[in-house]
Amino acid sequence: MPKHRKPRLSLPTPIQLPLFPEAGSLVRIRPENHEWRYYRLAVWPDLFGRALLARHWGRIGTPGRIRLDPHPDAGAAINALARLARTKRRRGYRDRAA
């Protein structure tokens, strides 16, 4: 007689969080100073094998400004992203709530 097996419980697939994020979004909201600002950072590949650090900032609700900084590789761009995010956090920016 065949034995009946218990059905296996399926576990959710684990999510791997990036150790070095390639994007970030920060905000600084100070209503008492009439200040509602955002700062976004992202690492983009370019057509020549290098990496670009895209910096997008401005007042919330406006198109803002964009600056693209070239870097020799993605690692250098990620290091620059981390450095800029750390500087912005020291100046009062906080990670944007999802």
N, C-alpha and C. Protein backbone atom coordinates (compact mmCIF):
# COMPACT_ATOMS: atom_id res chain seq x y z
N MET A 1 0.81 -1.17 0.00
CA MET A 1 0.00 0.00 0.00
C MET A 1 0.87 1.25 0.00
N PRO A 2 0.58 2.24 -0.89
CA PRO A 2 1.40 3.45 -0.90
C PRO A 2 1.10 4.33 0.30
N LYS A 3 2.13 4.93 0.80
CA LYS A 3 1.97 5.84 1.93
C LYS A 3 1.49 7.19 1.40
N HIS A 4 0.66 7.82 2.16
CA HIS A 4 0.19 9.16 1.80
C HIS A 4 1.15 10.18 2.37
N ARG A 5 1.56 11.08 1.52
CA ARG A 5 2.48 12.12 1.96
C ARG A 5 1.71 13.38 2.33
N LYS A 6 2.26 14.06 3.29
CA LYS A 6 1.68 15.35 3.65
C LYS A 6 2.05 16.36 2.57
N PRO A 7 1.14 17.24 2.23
CA PRO A 7 1.51 18.27 1.26
C PRO A 7 2.57 19.20 1.83
N ARG A 8 3.55 19.52 1.00
CA ARG A 8 4.63 20.41 1.45
C ARG A 8 4.13 21.85 1.49
N LEU A 9 4.49 22.53 2.52
CA LEU A 9 4.16 23.95 2.61
C LEU A 9 5.12 24.71 1.72
N SER A 10 4.58 25.56 0.90
CA SER A 10 5.46 26.34 0.03
C SER A 10 5.87 27.62 0.76
N LEU A 11 7.15 27.80 0.86
CA LEU A 11 7.70 28.98 1.52
C LEU A 11 7.83 30.10 0.50
N PRO A 12 7.63 31.33 0.92
CA PRO A 12 7.79 32.43 -0.03
C PRO A 12 9.25 32.53 -0.47
N THR A 13 9.43 32.95 -1.69
CA THR A 13 10.77 33.12 -2.23
C THR A 13 11.45 34.29 -1.53
N PRO A 14 12.65 34.09 -1.00
CA PRO A 14 13.32 35.20 -0.31
C PRO A 14 13.68 36.32 -1.29
N ILE A 15 13.66 37.52 -0.78
CA ILE A 15 13.99 38.69 -1.59
C ILE A 15 15.40 39.13 -1.22
N GLN A 16 16.26 39.23 -2.22
CA GLN A 16 17.62 39.69 -1.98
C GLN A 16 17.66 41.21 -2.10
N LEU A 17 17.95 41.88 -1.01
CA LEU A 17 18.08 43.32 -1.04
C LEU A 17 19.48 43.67 -1.51
N PRO A 18 19.61 44.71 -2.30
CA PRO A 18 20.95 45.06 -2.80
C PRO A 18 21.83 45.58 -1.67
N LEU A 19 23.07 45.13 -1.67
CA LEU A 19 24.01 45.60 -0.67
C LEU A 19 24.40 47.04 -0.94
N PHE A 20 24.55 47.37 -2.22
CA PHE A 20 24.88 48.71 -2.64
C PHE A 20 23.77 49.20 -3.56
N PRO A 21 22.81 49.95 -3.04
CA PRO A 21 21.68 50.36 -3.88
C PRO A 21 22.13 51.23 -5.05
N GLU A 22 21.47 51.05 -6.19
CA GLU A 22 21.78 51.82 -7.39
C GLU A 22 20.83 52.99 -7.58
N ALA A 23 19.97 53.24 -6.59
CA ALA A 23 19.05 54.37 -6.68
C ALA A 23 18.66 54.79 -5.27
N GLY A 24 18.28 56.04 -5.14
CA GLY A 24 17.84 56.55 -3.86
C GLY A 24 16.93 57.74 -4.05
N SER A 25 16.03 57.94 -3.10
CA SER A 25 15.10 59.06 -3.16
C SER A 25 15.01 59.67 -1.77
N LEU A 26 15.30 60.95 -1.69
CA LEU A 26 15.31 61.66 -0.42
C LEU A 26 14.37 62.86 -0.48
N VAL A 27 13.84 63.25 0.67
CA VAL A 27 13.00 64.45 0.75
C VAL A 27 13.40 65.27 1.97
N ARG A 28 13.16 66.56 1.88
CA ARG A 28 13.34 67.46 3.03
C ARG A 28 12.10 68.33 3.07
N ILE A 29 11.27 68.11 4.08
CA ILE A 29 10.01 68.84 4.20
C ILE A 29 10.06 69.62 5.52
N ARG A 30 10.01 70.94 5.40
CA ARG A 30 10.00 71.84 6.55
C ARG A 30 8.92 72.90 6.32
N PRO A 31 7.68 72.61 6.69
CA PRO A 31 6.58 73.56 6.42
C PRO A 31 6.80 74.93 7.07
N GLU A 32 7.45 74.95 8.22
CA GLU A 32 7.68 76.24 8.89
C GLU A 32 8.58 77.15 8.06
N ASN A 33 9.41 76.57 7.20
CA ASN A 33 10.29 77.34 6.32
C ASN A 33 9.77 77.38 4.88
N HIS A 34 8.57 76.87 4.66
CA HIS A 34 7.99 76.76 3.31
C HIS A 34 8.93 75.99 2.38
N GLU A 35 9.41 74.86 2.88
CA GLU A 35 10.39 74.08 2.14
C GLU A 35 9.87 72.66 1.93
N TRP A 36 9.70 72.27 0.67
CA TRP A 36 9.28 70.93 0.26
C TRP A 36 10.19 70.53 -0.89
N ARG A 37 11.27 69.80 -0.59
CA ARG A 37 12.27 69.50 -1.61
C ARG A 37 12.48 68.00 -1.75
N TYR A 38 12.93 67.60 -2.94
CA TYR A 38 13.26 66.20 -3.19
C TYR A 38 14.64 66.12 -3.84
N TYR A 39 15.25 64.96 -3.72
CA TYR A 39 16.56 64.70 -4.33
C TYR A 39 16.59 63.23 -4.68
N ARG A 40 16.73 62.90 -5.96
CA ARG A 40 16.76 61.51 -6.42
C ARG A 40 18.11 61.22 -7.06
N LEU A 41 18.60 60.03 -6.83
CA LEU A 41 19.88 59.59 -7.38
C LEU A 41 19.68 58.22 -8.03
N ALA A 42 20.33 58.00 -9.16
CA ALA A 42 20.26 56.70 -9.83
C ALA A 42 21.53 56.49 -10.66
N VAL A 43 21.96 55.24 -10.76
CA VAL A 43 23.11 54.89 -11.58
C VAL A 43 22.58 54.31 -12.89
N TRP A 44 23.01 54.89 -14.00
CA TRP A 44 22.58 54.45 -15.34
C TRP A 44 23.80 54.03 -16.14
N PRO A 45 23.70 52.98 -16.94
CA PRO A 45 24.79 52.64 -17.85
C PRO A 45 24.77 53.60 -19.04
N ASP A 46 25.94 53.87 -19.62
CA ASP A 46 25.94 54.68 -20.85
C ASP A 46 26.37 53.80 -22.02
N LEU A 47 26.39 54.35 -23.19
CA LEU A 47 26.67 53.58 -24.40
C LEU A 47 28.13 53.18 -24.56
N PHE A 48 29.01 53.72 -23.75
CA PHE A 48 30.44 53.49 -23.92
C PHE A 48 31.04 52.61 -22.82
N GLY A 49 30.19 51.89 -22.07
CA GLY A 49 30.67 50.98 -21.04
C GLY A 49 30.96 51.65 -19.71
N ARG A 50 30.71 52.92 -19.61
CA ARG A 50 30.90 53.63 -18.34
C ARG A 50 29.57 53.68 -17.60
N ALA A 51 29.48 54.48 -16.56
CA ALA A 51 28.24 54.63 -15.80
C ALA A 51 27.99 56.11 -15.57
N LEU A 52 26.73 56.47 -15.51
CA LEU A 52 26.32 57.84 -15.22
C LEU A 52 25.61 57.87 -13.89
N LEU A 53 25.89 58.88 -13.09
CA LEU A 53 25.13 59.12 -11.88
C LEU A 53 24.13 60.21 -12.21
N ALA A 54 22.85 59.85 -12.26
CA ALA A 54 21.78 60.80 -12.55
C ALA A 54 21.32 61.42 -11.25
N ARG A 55 21.38 62.75 -11.18
CA ARG A 55 20.96 63.49 -10.00
C ARG A 55 19.78 64.38 -10.40
N HIS A 56 18.66 64.20 -9.73
CA HIS A 56 17.44 64.93 -10.06
C HIS A 56 16.95 65.58 -8.77
N TRP A 57 16.81 66.91 -8.76
CA TRP A 57 16.43 67.60 -7.54
C TRP A 57 15.53 68.78 -7.85
N GLY A 58 14.82 69.24 -6.81
CA GLY A 58 13.97 70.40 -6.97
C GLY A 58 12.90 70.46 -5.90
N ARG A 59 11.96 71.37 -6.11
CA ARG A 59 10.83 71.54 -5.21
C ARG A 59 9.78 70.49 -5.57
N ILE A 60 9.17 69.87 -4.58
CA ILE A 60 8.15 68.85 -4.83
C ILE A 60 7.02 69.48 -5.64
N GLY A 61 6.64 68.81 -6.73
CA GLY A 61 5.58 69.30 -7.60
C GLY A 61 6.09 70.05 -8.81
N THR A 62 7.41 70.21 -8.94
CA THR A 62 8.00 70.89 -10.10
C THR A 62 8.88 69.91 -10.86
N PRO A 63 9.19 70.21 -12.13
CA PRO A 63 10.07 69.32 -12.89
C PRO A 63 11.48 69.24 -12.32
N GLY A 64 11.95 70.29 -11.70
CA GLY A 64 13.28 70.27 -11.10
C GLY A 64 14.40 70.31 -12.13
N ARG A 65 15.57 69.94 -11.69
CA ARG A 65 16.77 69.93 -12.54
C ARG A 65 17.36 68.54 -12.57
N ILE A 66 18.10 68.25 -13.64
CA ILE A 66 18.77 66.96 -13.78
C ILE A 66 20.22 67.20 -14.14
N ARG A 67 21.10 66.43 -13.51
CA ARG A 67 22.52 66.50 -13.83
C ARG A 67 23.02 65.07 -13.99
N LEU A 68 23.80 64.81 -15.03
CA LEU A 68 24.39 63.50 -15.27
C LEU A 68 25.90 63.60 -15.09
N ASP A 69 26.43 62.87 -14.13
CA ASP A 69 27.87 62.85 -13.86
C ASP A 69 28.47 61.56 -14.37
N PRO A 70 29.42 61.60 -15.33
CA PRO A 70 30.03 60.36 -15.83
C PRO A 70 31.05 59.79 -14.83
N HIS A 71 31.10 58.45 -14.76
CA HIS A 71 32.06 57.74 -13.92
C HIS A 71 32.64 56.59 -14.73
N PRO A 72 33.86 56.17 -14.44
CA PRO A 72 34.50 55.12 -15.24
C PRO A 72 33.79 53.77 -15.20
N ASP A 73 33.13 53.45 -14.07
CA ASP A 73 32.41 52.19 -13.97
C ASP A 73 31.27 52.32 -12.96
N ALA A 74 30.44 51.29 -12.88
CA ALA A 74 29.28 51.33 -11.99
C ALA A 74 29.68 51.42 -10.52
N GLY A 75 30.79 50.79 -10.16
CA GLY A 75 31.25 50.84 -8.77
C GLY A 75 31.58 52.26 -8.32
N ALA A 76 32.26 53.01 -9.18
CA ALA A 76 32.58 54.40 -8.85
C ALA A 76 31.31 55.24 -8.74
N ALA A 77 30.35 54.99 -9.62
CA ALA A 77 29.09 55.74 -9.58
C ALA A 77 28.31 55.40 -8.30
N ILE A 78 28.32 54.14 -7.90
CA ILE A 78 27.62 53.74 -6.67
C ILE A 78 28.29 54.37 -5.45
N ASN A 79 29.62 54.44 -5.45
CA ASN A 79 30.33 55.10 -4.35
C ASN A 79 29.96 56.58 -4.28
N ALA A 80 29.89 57.24 -5.43
CA ALA A 80 29.50 58.65 -5.47
C ALA A 80 28.07 58.82 -4.99
N LEU A 81 27.18 57.90 -5.36
CA LEU A 81 25.79 57.96 -4.92
C LEU A 81 25.72 57.87 -3.39
N ALA A 82 26.45 56.93 -2.81
CA ALA A 82 26.44 56.76 -1.36
C ALA A 82 26.99 58.00 -0.66
N ARG A 83 28.05 58.58 -1.22
CA ARG A 83 28.65 59.78 -0.63
C ARG A 83 27.67 60.96 -0.67
N LEU A 84 27.00 61.15 -1.83
CA LEU A 84 26.03 62.25 -1.94
C LEU A 84 24.84 62.04 -1.02
N ALA A 85 24.33 60.81 -0.94
CA ALA A 85 23.19 60.53 -0.07
C ALA A 85 23.55 60.80 1.39
N ARG A 86 24.76 60.43 1.79
CA ARG A 86 25.20 60.68 3.16
C ARG A 86 25.28 62.18 3.43
N THR A 87 25.79 62.94 2.47
CA THR A 87 25.88 64.40 2.63
C THR A 87 24.49 65.02 2.73
N LYS A 88 23.56 64.57 1.89
CA LYS A 88 22.20 65.11 1.92
C LYS A 88 21.50 64.78 3.23
N ARG A 89 21.74 63.58 3.75
CA ARG A 89 21.12 63.22 5.03
C ARG A 89 21.64 64.11 6.15
N ARG A 90 22.92 64.47 6.10
CA ARG A 90 23.48 65.38 7.11
C ARG A 90 22.84 66.76 7.01
N ARG A 91 22.36 67.12 5.81
CA ARG A 91 21.74 68.43 5.61
C ARG A 91 20.23 68.43 5.86
N GLY A 92 19.72 67.33 6.41
CA GLY A 92 18.32 67.31 6.80
C GLY A 92 17.40 66.50 5.89
N TYR A 93 17.91 65.93 4.82
CA TYR A 93 17.08 65.09 3.95
C TYR A 93 16.87 63.74 4.62
N ARG A 94 15.72 63.15 4.38
CA ARG A 94 15.39 61.82 4.91
C ARG A 94 14.98 60.93 3.75
N ASP A 95 15.13 59.62 3.92
CA ASP A 95 14.71 58.67 2.90
C ASP A 95 13.20 58.80 2.71
N ARG A 96 12.79 58.79 1.46
CA ARG A 96 11.37 58.94 1.15
C ARG A 96 10.63 57.67 1.54
N ALA A 97 9.52 57.84 2.24
CA ALA A 97 8.69 56.69 2.64
C ALA A 97 8.02 56.12 1.40
N ALA A 98 8.00 54.81 1.30
CA ALA A 98 7.42 54.15 0.12
C ALA A 98 5.92 54.20 0.12
